[in-house]
């Protein structure tokens, strides 16, 4: 049997299984859960705030680096160095963004941005989600899910947030990463 045919036949089944199983494993626990009590141990979480990220590599098929002239064909890759509040480099992130569609009601482009964050402490974090490009370009923070896929906190889940410091250049970002293991 052709793999494409098999994949097409299995897709609805996998979608159904995912829609039932994913909430069981990915939903945050209720506050009264014993799992929340385990978070009293600081080694079960990573809370990084007041971070600064600086672009070291950027490539895009759109020649406007300011983000003010997006198209539905835009695709960009970026590498940034991550610095803690004290100015010491704590890691690096590599990611890509792709425009998906333009919203009819406000004309904003919605993009998907995904990245892999490698911290010097050994944690590797995958993060990604939908971003309202116009709001990000205007300086609003973008937030999306983050999961530690390797390292001491493997399996930890949480969020990633970032916003440009200078709206016109998009060379420097303020960011935060908050993850915890249940």
N, C-alpha and C. Protein backbone atom coordinates (compact mmCIF):
# COMPACT_ATOMS: atom_id res chain seq x y z
N UNK A 1 0.84 -1.17 0.00
CA UNK A 1 0.00 0.00 0.00
C UNK A 1 0.89 1.24 0.00
N UNK A 2 0.50 2.23 -0.75
CA UNK A 2 1.22 3.50 -0.84
C UNK A 2 1.17 4.21 0.52
N UNK A 3 2.31 4.75 0.95
CA UNK A 3 2.38 5.42 2.24
C UNK A 3 1.49 6.66 2.30
N UNK A 4 1.33 7.36 1.19
CA UNK A 4 0.46 8.53 1.17
C UNK A 4 -1.00 8.14 1.38
N UNK A 5 -1.41 7.02 0.79
CA UNK A 5 -2.78 6.54 0.96
C UNK A 5 -2.99 6.10 2.40
N UNK A 6 -2.02 5.36 2.94
CA UNK A 6 -2.11 4.92 4.33
C UNK A 6 -2.17 6.12 5.27
N UNK A 7 -1.34 7.10 5.03
CA UNK A 7 -1.33 8.30 5.86
C UNK A 7 -2.67 9.02 5.80
N UNK A 8 -3.24 9.14 4.61
CA UNK A 8 -4.55 9.80 4.46
C UNK A 8 -5.64 9.04 5.20
N UNK A 9 -5.55 7.72 5.19
CA UNK A 9 -6.57 6.92 5.89
C UNK A 9 -6.40 6.98 7.40
N UNK A 10 -5.17 7.06 7.86
CA UNK A 10 -4.89 7.07 9.29
C UNK A 10 -5.08 8.45 9.92
N UNK A 11 -4.99 9.49 9.15
CA UNK A 11 -5.06 10.85 9.68
C UNK A 11 -6.30 11.12 10.53
N UNK A 12 -7.51 10.78 10.08
CA UNK A 12 -8.68 11.04 10.93
C UNK A 12 -8.64 10.24 12.24
N UNK A 13 -8.11 9.04 12.18
CA UNK A 13 -8.01 8.22 13.40
C UNK A 13 -7.03 8.86 14.38
N UNK A 14 -5.88 9.28 13.87
CA UNK A 14 -4.88 9.91 14.73
C UNK A 14 -5.39 11.23 15.30
N UNK A 15 -6.12 11.99 14.51
CA UNK A 15 -6.70 13.24 15.01
C UNK A 15 -7.66 12.98 16.17
N UNK A 16 -8.47 11.95 16.04
CA UNK A 16 -9.42 11.60 17.10
C UNK A 16 -8.69 11.15 18.36
N UNK A 17 -7.69 10.29 18.20
CA UNK A 17 -6.91 9.83 19.36
C UNK A 17 -6.22 11.01 20.03
N UNK A 18 -5.62 11.89 19.24
CA UNK A 18 -4.95 13.07 19.81
C UNK A 18 -5.92 13.96 20.56
N UNK A 19 -7.11 14.15 20.02
CA UNK A 19 -8.06 15.05 20.67
C UNK A 19 -8.54 14.49 22.02
N UNK A 20 -8.45 13.19 22.22
CA UNK A 20 -8.84 12.59 23.50
C UNK A 20 -7.66 12.44 24.45
N UNK A 21 -6.49 12.05 23.94
CA UNK A 21 -5.34 11.79 24.81
C UNK A 21 -4.56 13.04 25.20
N UNK A 22 -4.42 13.96 24.28
CA UNK A 22 -3.61 15.14 24.55
C UNK A 22 -4.07 15.91 25.78
N UNK A 23 -5.36 16.17 25.95
CA UNK A 23 -5.77 16.88 27.17
C UNK A 23 -5.41 16.14 28.46
N UNK A 24 -5.40 14.82 28.42
CA UNK A 24 -5.06 14.05 29.62
C UNK A 24 -3.61 14.27 30.04
N UNK A 25 -2.73 14.44 29.05
CA UNK A 25 -1.30 14.57 29.35
C UNK A 25 -0.80 16.00 29.37
N UNK A 26 -1.41 16.88 28.58
CA UNK A 26 -0.88 18.22 28.44
C UNK A 26 -1.60 19.28 29.26
N UNK A 27 -2.80 19.02 29.72
CA UNK A 27 -3.54 20.03 30.48
C UNK A 27 -2.85 20.26 31.83
N UNK A 28 -2.74 21.50 32.25
CA UNK A 28 -2.15 21.77 33.56
C UNK A 28 -3.00 21.14 34.67
N UNK A 29 -2.35 20.72 35.75
CA UNK A 29 -3.11 20.12 36.85
C UNK A 29 -3.94 21.17 37.58
N UNK A 30 -5.00 20.72 38.24
CA UNK A 30 -5.78 21.62 39.08
C UNK A 30 -4.94 22.01 40.29
N UNK A 31 -5.20 23.16 40.84
CA UNK A 31 -4.41 23.68 41.95
C UNK A 31 -4.39 22.75 43.15
N UNK A 32 -5.44 21.99 43.35
CA UNK A 32 -5.52 21.08 44.50
C UNK A 32 -4.82 19.75 44.26
N UNK A 33 -4.33 19.53 43.06
CA UNK A 33 -3.68 18.26 42.71
C UNK A 33 -2.36 18.08 43.45
N UNK A 34 -2.05 16.82 43.75
CA UNK A 34 -0.77 16.48 44.37
C UNK A 34 0.41 16.90 43.48
N UNK A 35 0.18 16.90 42.17
CA UNK A 35 1.23 17.29 41.24
C UNK A 35 1.71 18.72 41.50
N UNK A 36 0.79 19.58 41.89
CA UNK A 36 1.16 20.97 42.17
C UNK A 36 2.03 21.04 43.41
N UNK A 37 1.77 20.21 44.39
CA UNK A 37 2.60 20.17 45.59
C UNK A 37 4.05 19.85 45.28
N UNK A 38 4.29 19.04 44.24
CA UNK A 38 5.66 18.69 43.85
C UNK A 38 6.44 19.91 43.36
N UNK A 39 5.74 20.96 42.95
CA UNK A 39 6.41 22.16 42.45
C UNK A 39 7.06 22.98 43.56
N UNK A 40 6.89 22.55 44.82
CA UNK A 40 7.56 23.24 45.92
C UNK A 40 9.07 23.07 45.82
N UNK A 41 9.51 22.08 45.08
CA UNK A 41 10.93 21.84 44.90
C UNK A 41 11.42 22.66 43.70
N UNK A 42 12.30 23.63 43.93
CA UNK A 42 12.74 24.51 42.85
C UNK A 42 13.38 23.79 41.66
N UNK A 43 13.94 22.61 41.89
CA UNK A 43 14.59 21.88 40.78
C UNK A 43 13.58 21.35 39.76
N UNK A 44 12.30 21.49 40.03
CA UNK A 44 11.27 21.03 39.10
C UNK A 44 10.79 22.14 38.16
N UNK A 45 11.40 23.32 38.27
CA UNK A 45 10.98 24.42 37.40
C UNK A 45 12.17 25.26 36.98
N UNK A 46 11.94 26.00 35.92
CA UNK A 46 12.93 26.93 35.39
C UNK A 46 12.17 28.21 35.09
N UNK A 47 12.53 29.27 35.78
CA UNK A 47 11.86 30.56 35.60
C UNK A 47 12.91 31.56 35.20
N UNK A 48 12.91 31.91 33.92
CA UNK A 48 13.87 32.87 33.38
C UNK A 48 13.10 34.09 32.88
N UNK A 49 13.30 35.21 33.53
CA UNK A 49 12.62 36.45 33.15
C UNK A 49 13.66 37.54 32.94
N UNK A 50 13.22 38.62 32.36
CA UNK A 50 14.10 39.77 32.10
C UNK A 50 15.30 39.38 31.27
N UNK A 51 15.06 38.50 30.30
CA UNK A 51 16.11 38.09 29.38
C UNK A 51 16.22 39.09 28.23
N UNK A 52 17.39 39.13 27.62
CA UNK A 52 17.61 39.93 26.42
C UNK A 52 18.10 38.98 25.34
N UNK A 53 17.53 39.10 24.16
CA UNK A 53 17.95 38.28 23.03
C UNK A 53 18.42 39.19 21.90
N UNK A 54 19.57 38.84 21.33
CA UNK A 54 20.14 39.65 20.26
C UNK A 54 20.28 38.80 19.00
N UNK A 55 19.80 39.33 17.90
CA UNK A 55 19.87 38.63 16.62
C UNK A 55 21.33 38.55 16.16
N UNK A 56 21.78 37.32 15.81
CA UNK A 56 23.12 37.14 15.26
C UNK A 56 23.07 36.67 13.80
N UNK A 57 21.95 36.07 13.39
CA UNK A 57 21.75 35.66 12.00
C UNK A 57 20.28 35.85 11.66
N UNK A 58 20.03 36.38 10.45
CA UNK A 58 18.65 36.56 10.01
C UNK A 58 18.61 36.42 8.50
N UNK A 59 17.63 35.67 8.02
CA UNK A 59 17.45 35.50 6.58
C UNK A 59 15.96 35.46 6.29
N UNK A 60 15.53 36.20 5.26
CA UNK A 60 14.12 36.24 4.93
C UNK A 60 13.95 36.44 3.43
N UNK A 61 12.84 35.91 2.91
CA UNK A 61 12.53 36.17 1.51
C UNK A 61 11.85 37.53 1.33
N UNK A 62 11.55 38.23 2.44
CA UNK A 62 11.00 39.58 2.38
C UNK A 62 12.15 40.55 2.69
N UNK A 63 12.47 41.45 1.77
CA UNK A 63 13.63 42.33 1.97
C UNK A 63 13.44 43.39 3.06
N UNK A 64 12.22 43.56 3.61
CA UNK A 64 11.96 44.56 4.64
C UNK A 64 12.17 43.95 6.03
N UNK A 65 13.28 44.26 6.70
CA UNK A 65 13.56 43.66 8.01
C UNK A 65 12.71 44.23 9.15
N UNK A 66 11.95 45.30 8.90
CA UNK A 66 11.16 45.92 9.97
C UNK A 66 9.86 45.18 10.23
N UNK A 67 9.42 44.35 9.29
CA UNK A 67 8.17 43.61 9.46
C UNK A 67 6.94 44.42 9.13
N UNK A 68 7.11 45.62 8.59
CA UNK A 68 5.95 46.48 8.33
C UNK A 68 5.29 46.23 6.97
N UNK A 69 5.91 45.39 6.13
CA UNK A 69 5.32 45.10 4.81
C UNK A 69 5.23 43.59 4.59
N UNK A 70 4.47 42.89 5.43
CA UNK A 70 4.40 41.43 5.31
C UNK A 70 3.59 41.00 4.08
N UNK A 71 3.87 39.78 3.65
CA UNK A 71 3.09 39.14 2.59
C UNK A 71 2.76 37.73 3.06
N UNK A 72 1.81 37.09 2.40
CA UNK A 72 1.45 35.73 2.81
C UNK A 72 2.48 34.69 2.38
N UNK A 73 3.52 35.11 1.69
CA UNK A 73 4.58 34.19 1.26
C UNK A 73 5.84 34.29 2.13
N UNK A 74 5.82 35.14 3.14
CA UNK A 74 7.02 35.39 3.94
C UNK A 74 7.47 34.14 4.69
N UNK A 75 8.79 33.97 4.70
CA UNK A 75 9.44 32.91 5.47
C UNK A 75 10.78 33.47 5.93
N UNK A 76 11.09 33.31 7.20
CA UNK A 76 12.35 33.83 7.73
C UNK A 76 12.94 32.85 8.73
N UNK A 77 14.27 32.83 8.80
CA UNK A 77 14.98 32.07 9.82
C UNK A 77 15.79 33.07 10.65
N UNK A 78 15.98 32.72 11.92
CA UNK A 78 16.69 33.63 12.81
C UNK A 78 17.45 32.84 13.87
N UNK A 79 18.60 33.37 14.25
CA UNK A 79 19.39 32.84 15.37
C UNK A 79 19.63 34.01 16.31
N UNK A 80 19.38 33.78 17.59
CA UNK A 80 19.58 34.82 18.60
C UNK A 80 20.38 34.27 19.77
N UNK A 81 21.22 35.10 20.35
CA UNK A 81 21.90 34.76 21.59
C UNK A 81 21.05 35.28 22.73
N UNK A 82 20.95 34.49 23.80
CA UNK A 82 20.11 34.83 24.95
C UNK A 82 20.99 35.21 26.13
N UNK A 83 20.66 36.35 26.76
CA UNK A 83 21.43 36.86 27.89
C UNK A 83 20.52 37.00 29.11
N UNK A 84 21.05 36.65 30.27
CA UNK A 84 20.31 36.79 31.52
C UNK A 84 20.27 38.24 31.96
N UNK A 85 19.56 38.52 33.05
CA UNK A 85 19.45 39.90 33.54
C UNK A 85 20.81 40.54 33.88
N UNK A 86 21.80 39.69 34.21
CA UNK A 86 23.13 40.19 34.54
C UNK A 86 24.01 40.42 33.31
N UNK A 87 23.49 40.11 32.11
CA UNK A 87 24.25 40.31 30.88
C UNK A 87 25.06 39.11 30.44
N UNK A 88 25.06 38.03 31.24
CA UNK A 88 25.81 36.84 30.88
C UNK A 88 25.02 35.99 29.89
N UNK A 89 25.69 35.50 28.85
CA UNK A 89 25.00 34.67 27.86
C UNK A 89 24.62 33.34 28.51
N UNK A 90 23.32 32.96 28.35
CA UNK A 90 22.84 31.72 28.95
C UNK A 90 22.41 30.70 27.90
N UNK A 91 22.42 31.09 26.63
CA UNK A 91 22.02 30.15 25.60
C UNK A 91 21.85 30.81 24.25
N UNK A 92 21.23 30.03 23.37
CA UNK A 92 21.01 30.46 21.99
C UNK A 92 19.72 29.84 21.49
N UNK A 93 19.04 30.54 20.61
CA UNK A 93 17.83 30.00 20.00
C UNK A 93 17.91 30.13 18.49
N UNK A 94 17.38 29.11 17.83
CA UNK A 94 17.28 29.12 16.36
C UNK A 94 15.85 28.80 16.01
N UNK A 95 15.30 29.58 15.09
CA UNK A 95 13.92 29.34 14.73
C UNK A 95 13.58 29.83 13.35
N UNK A 96 12.32 29.65 13.00
CA UNK A 96 11.82 30.09 11.70
C UNK A 96 10.38 30.53 11.86
N UNK A 97 10.02 31.50 11.05
CA UNK A 97 8.65 31.99 11.03
C UNK A 97 8.09 31.91 9.63
N UNK A 98 6.80 31.60 9.55
CA UNK A 98 6.14 31.49 8.24
C UNK A 98 4.76 32.11 8.33
N UNK A 99 4.49 33.02 7.43
CA UNK A 99 3.16 33.61 7.37
C UNK A 99 2.17 32.55 6.92
N UNK A 100 1.00 32.53 7.56
CA UNK A 100 -0.01 31.54 7.23
C UNK A 100 -1.20 32.13 6.50
N UNK A 101 -1.72 33.25 7.02
CA UNK A 101 -2.89 33.85 6.39
C UNK A 101 -3.08 35.28 6.91
N UNK A 102 -3.95 36.02 6.21
CA UNK A 102 -4.30 37.38 6.60
C UNK A 102 -5.73 37.36 7.13
N UNK A 103 -5.92 37.89 8.34
CA UNK A 103 -7.26 37.94 8.93
C UNK A 103 -8.11 38.98 8.21
N UNK A 104 -9.33 38.61 7.92
CA UNK A 104 -10.22 39.53 7.21
C UNK A 104 -10.65 40.70 8.09
N UNK A 105 -10.93 40.45 9.36
CA UNK A 105 -11.52 41.49 10.21
C UNK A 105 -10.57 42.64 10.55
N UNK A 106 -9.24 42.40 10.56
CA UNK A 106 -8.34 43.50 10.89
C UNK A 106 -7.14 43.63 9.94
N UNK A 107 -7.01 42.70 8.98
CA UNK A 107 -5.91 42.78 8.03
C UNK A 107 -4.56 42.32 8.57
N UNK A 108 -4.54 41.80 9.80
CA UNK A 108 -3.29 41.33 10.38
C UNK A 108 -2.90 39.97 9.80
N UNK A 109 -1.60 39.79 9.60
CA UNK A 109 -1.10 38.49 9.18
C UNK A 109 -0.85 37.64 10.41
N UNK A 110 -1.23 36.37 10.33
CA UNK A 110 -0.96 35.40 11.39
C UNK A 110 0.16 34.49 10.89
N UNK A 111 1.17 34.34 11.73
CA UNK A 111 2.33 33.53 11.37
C UNK A 111 2.50 32.41 12.39
N UNK A 112 3.22 31.38 11.99
CA UNK A 112 3.66 30.35 12.93
C UNK A 112 5.15 30.57 13.13
N UNK A 113 5.57 30.61 14.38
CA UNK A 113 6.99 30.70 14.69
C UNK A 113 7.34 29.52 15.57
N UNK A 114 8.38 28.79 15.19
CA UNK A 114 8.86 27.66 15.97
C UNK A 114 10.35 27.80 16.18
N UNK A 115 10.83 27.29 17.31
CA UNK A 115 12.25 27.45 17.61
C UNK A 115 12.75 26.34 18.53
N UNK A 116 14.07 26.21 18.55
CA UNK A 116 14.74 25.34 19.50
C UNK A 116 15.69 26.20 20.31
N UNK A 117 15.49 26.19 21.62
CA UNK A 117 16.30 26.99 22.53
C UNK A 117 17.28 26.05 23.23
N UNK A 118 18.56 26.33 23.13
CA UNK A 118 19.59 25.53 23.78
C UNK A 118 20.23 26.39 24.88
N UNK A 119 19.98 25.99 26.13
CA UNK A 119 20.53 26.73 27.26
C UNK A 119 21.85 26.09 27.70
N UNK A 120 22.73 26.91 28.26
CA UNK A 120 24.02 26.40 28.72
C UNK A 120 23.88 25.41 29.89
N UNK A 121 22.74 25.39 30.57
CA UNK A 121 22.53 24.44 31.66
C UNK A 121 22.19 23.04 31.17
N UNK A 122 22.13 22.85 29.83
CA UNK A 122 21.84 21.54 29.25
C UNK A 122 20.40 21.35 28.82
N UNK A 123 19.52 22.23 29.18
CA UNK A 123 18.12 22.10 28.77
C UNK A 123 17.95 22.55 27.32
N UNK A 124 17.19 21.75 26.57
CA UNK A 124 16.84 22.08 25.19
C UNK A 124 15.32 22.21 25.15
N UNK A 125 14.85 23.35 24.70
CA UNK A 125 13.43 23.67 24.73
C UNK A 125 12.91 23.87 23.32
N UNK A 126 11.80 23.23 23.01
CA UNK A 126 11.09 23.47 21.74
C UNK A 126 9.90 24.35 22.07
N UNK A 127 9.76 25.41 21.31
CA UNK A 127 8.65 26.33 21.52
C UNK A 127 8.09 26.72 20.16
N UNK A 128 6.81 26.99 20.15
CA UNK A 128 6.22 27.44 18.89
C UNK A 128 4.75 27.72 19.04
N UNK A 129 4.26 28.53 18.13
CA UNK A 129 2.85 28.84 18.14
C UNK A 129 2.51 29.95 17.16
N UNK A 130 1.26 30.35 17.22
CA UNK A 130 0.75 31.38 16.34
C UNK A 130 1.09 32.76 16.88
N UNK A 131 1.44 33.66 15.97
CA UNK A 131 1.82 35.02 16.32
C UNK A 131 1.06 35.98 15.43
N UNK A 132 0.45 36.99 16.03
CA UNK A 132 -0.16 38.09 15.27
C UNK A 132 0.99 39.02 14.90
N UNK A 133 1.40 38.97 13.64
CA UNK A 133 2.59 39.69 13.20
C UNK A 133 2.47 41.20 13.38
N UNK A 134 1.30 41.77 13.15
CA UNK A 134 1.12 43.21 13.31
C UNK A 134 1.29 43.63 14.76
N UNK A 135 0.75 42.84 15.68
CA UNK A 135 0.88 43.17 17.10
C UNK A 135 2.33 43.04 17.56
N UNK A 136 3.03 41.99 17.09
CA UNK A 136 4.43 41.82 17.44
C UNK A 136 5.25 42.99 16.89
N UNK A 137 5.02 43.34 15.64
CA UNK A 137 5.75 44.44 15.02
C UNK A 137 5.50 45.75 15.78
N UNK A 138 4.31 45.91 16.33
CA UNK A 138 3.98 47.12 17.10
C UNK A 138 4.57 47.10 18.51
N UNK A 139 5.20 45.98 18.90
CA UNK A 139 5.85 45.90 20.20
C UNK A 139 5.15 45.06 21.24
N UNK A 140 4.01 44.46 20.88
CA UNK A 140 3.29 43.61 21.83
C UNK A 140 4.01 42.26 21.96
N UNK A 141 3.97 41.69 23.14
CA UNK A 141 4.62 40.40 23.37
C UNK A 141 3.85 39.27 22.69
N UNK A 142 4.60 38.30 22.18
CA UNK A 142 4.04 37.06 21.66
C UNK A 142 4.33 35.97 22.68
N UNK A 143 3.36 35.09 22.91
CA UNK A 143 3.51 34.00 23.87
C UNK A 143 3.04 32.71 23.24
N UNK A 144 3.75 31.61 23.50
CA UNK A 144 3.30 30.32 23.04
C UNK A 144 3.90 29.20 23.87
N UNK A 145 3.40 27.97 23.70
CA UNK A 145 3.84 26.85 24.53
C UNK A 145 5.33 26.52 24.33
N UNK A 146 5.91 25.99 25.41
CA UNK A 146 7.31 25.55 25.39
C UNK A 146 7.40 24.22 26.13
N UNK A 147 8.22 23.31 25.60
CA UNK A 147 8.42 22.00 26.20
C UNK A 147 9.92 21.71 26.22
N UNK A 148 10.43 21.25 27.36
CA UNK A 148 11.83 20.85 27.45
C UNK A 148 11.94 19.44 26.87
N UNK A 149 12.69 19.31 25.76
CA UNK A 149 12.79 18.03 25.07
C UNK A 149 14.06 17.26 25.41
N UNK A 150 15.02 17.91 26.07
CA UNK A 150 16.25 17.24 26.49
C UNK A 150 16.86 18.04 27.63
N UNK A 151 17.64 17.34 28.46
CA UNK A 151 18.31 18.02 29.56
C UNK A 151 17.72 17.68 30.90
N UNK A 152 18.20 18.35 31.95
CA UNK A 152 17.77 18.05 33.31
C UNK A 152 16.27 18.17 33.55
N UNK A 153 15.58 19.05 32.83
CA UNK A 153 14.15 19.23 33.04
C UNK A 153 13.31 18.61 31.92
N UNK A 154 13.86 17.61 31.25
CA UNK A 154 13.13 16.98 30.15
C UNK A 154 11.69 16.64 30.58
N UNK A 155 10.75 17.02 29.73
CA UNK A 155 9.35 16.78 30.02
C UNK A 155 8.65 17.98 30.66
N UNK A 156 9.40 19.00 31.05
CA UNK A 156 8.79 20.19 31.64
C UNK A 156 8.02 20.95 30.55
N UNK A 157 6.91 21.55 30.94
CA UNK A 157 6.10 22.32 30.01
C UNK A 157 5.88 23.72 30.56
N UNK A 158 5.56 24.64 29.68
CA UNK A 158 5.30 26.00 30.12
C UNK A 158 5.10 26.91 28.94
N UNK A 159 5.69 28.10 29.02
CA UNK A 159 5.50 29.06 27.94
C UNK A 159 6.78 29.83 27.65
N UNK A 160 6.76 30.44 26.51
CA UNK A 160 7.84 31.28 26.02
C UNK A 160 7.21 32.60 25.61
N UNK A 161 7.86 33.70 25.92
CA UNK A 161 7.32 35.00 25.58
C UNK A 161 8.46 35.89 25.10
N UNK A 162 8.18 36.73 24.09
CA UNK A 162 9.19 37.68 23.62
C UNK A 162 8.51 38.86 22.95
N UNK A 163 9.24 39.97 22.92
CA UNK A 163 8.76 41.16 22.22
C UNK A 163 9.96 42.00 21.80
N UNK A 164 9.84 42.70 20.68
CA UNK A 164 10.97 43.54 20.25
C UNK A 164 11.14 44.73 21.19
N UNK A 165 12.39 45.06 21.49
CA UNK A 165 12.68 46.21 22.34
C UNK A 165 12.50 47.49 21.53
N UNK A 166 13.06 47.51 20.33
CA UNK A 166 12.93 48.65 19.43
C UNK A 166 12.07 48.21 18.27
N UNK A 167 10.91 48.82 18.13
CA UNK A 167 9.93 48.38 17.13
C UNK A 167 10.47 48.45 15.70
N UNK A 168 11.32 49.42 15.41
CA UNK A 168 11.76 49.62 14.04
C UNK A 168 12.82 48.61 13.58
N UNK A 169 13.65 48.11 14.49
CA UNK A 169 14.78 47.30 14.04
C UNK A 169 14.61 45.79 14.23
N UNK A 170 13.93 45.37 15.28
CA UNK A 170 13.75 43.94 15.58
C UNK A 170 15.09 43.21 15.69
N UNK A 171 16.09 43.89 16.27
CA UNK A 171 17.40 43.28 16.50
C UNK A 171 17.56 42.76 17.93
N UNK A 172 16.80 43.35 18.85
CA UNK A 172 16.90 43.00 20.26
C UNK A 172 15.49 42.75 20.80
N UNK A 173 15.36 41.69 21.60
CA UNK A 173 14.07 41.30 22.16
C UNK A 173 14.19 41.16 23.67
N UNK A 174 13.11 41.46 24.36
CA UNK A 174 12.96 41.11 25.77
C UNK A 174 12.21 39.79 25.79
N UNK A 175 12.57 38.89 26.70
CA UNK A 175 11.90 37.60 26.69
C UNK A 175 11.83 36.97 28.07
N UNK A 176 11.06 35.89 28.11
CA UNK A 176 10.91 35.08 29.32
C UNK A 176 10.65 33.63 28.92
N UNK A 177 11.13 32.72 29.74
CA UNK A 177 10.86 31.28 29.57
C UNK A 177 10.48 30.76 30.95
N UNK A 178 9.31 30.15 31.05
CA UNK A 178 8.86 29.58 32.32
C UNK A 178 8.35 28.16 32.03
N UNK A 179 9.02 27.17 32.60
CA UNK A 179 8.61 25.77 32.42
C UNK A 179 8.67 25.04 33.77
N UNK A 180 7.86 23.99 33.88
CA UNK A 180 7.87 23.19 35.10
C UNK A 180 7.54 21.74 34.73
N UNK A 181 8.05 20.84 35.56
CA UNK A 181 7.78 19.42 35.36
C UNK A 181 6.82 18.96 36.44
N UNK A 182 5.69 18.39 36.00
CA UNK A 182 4.66 17.95 36.96
C UNK A 182 5.12 16.74 37.74
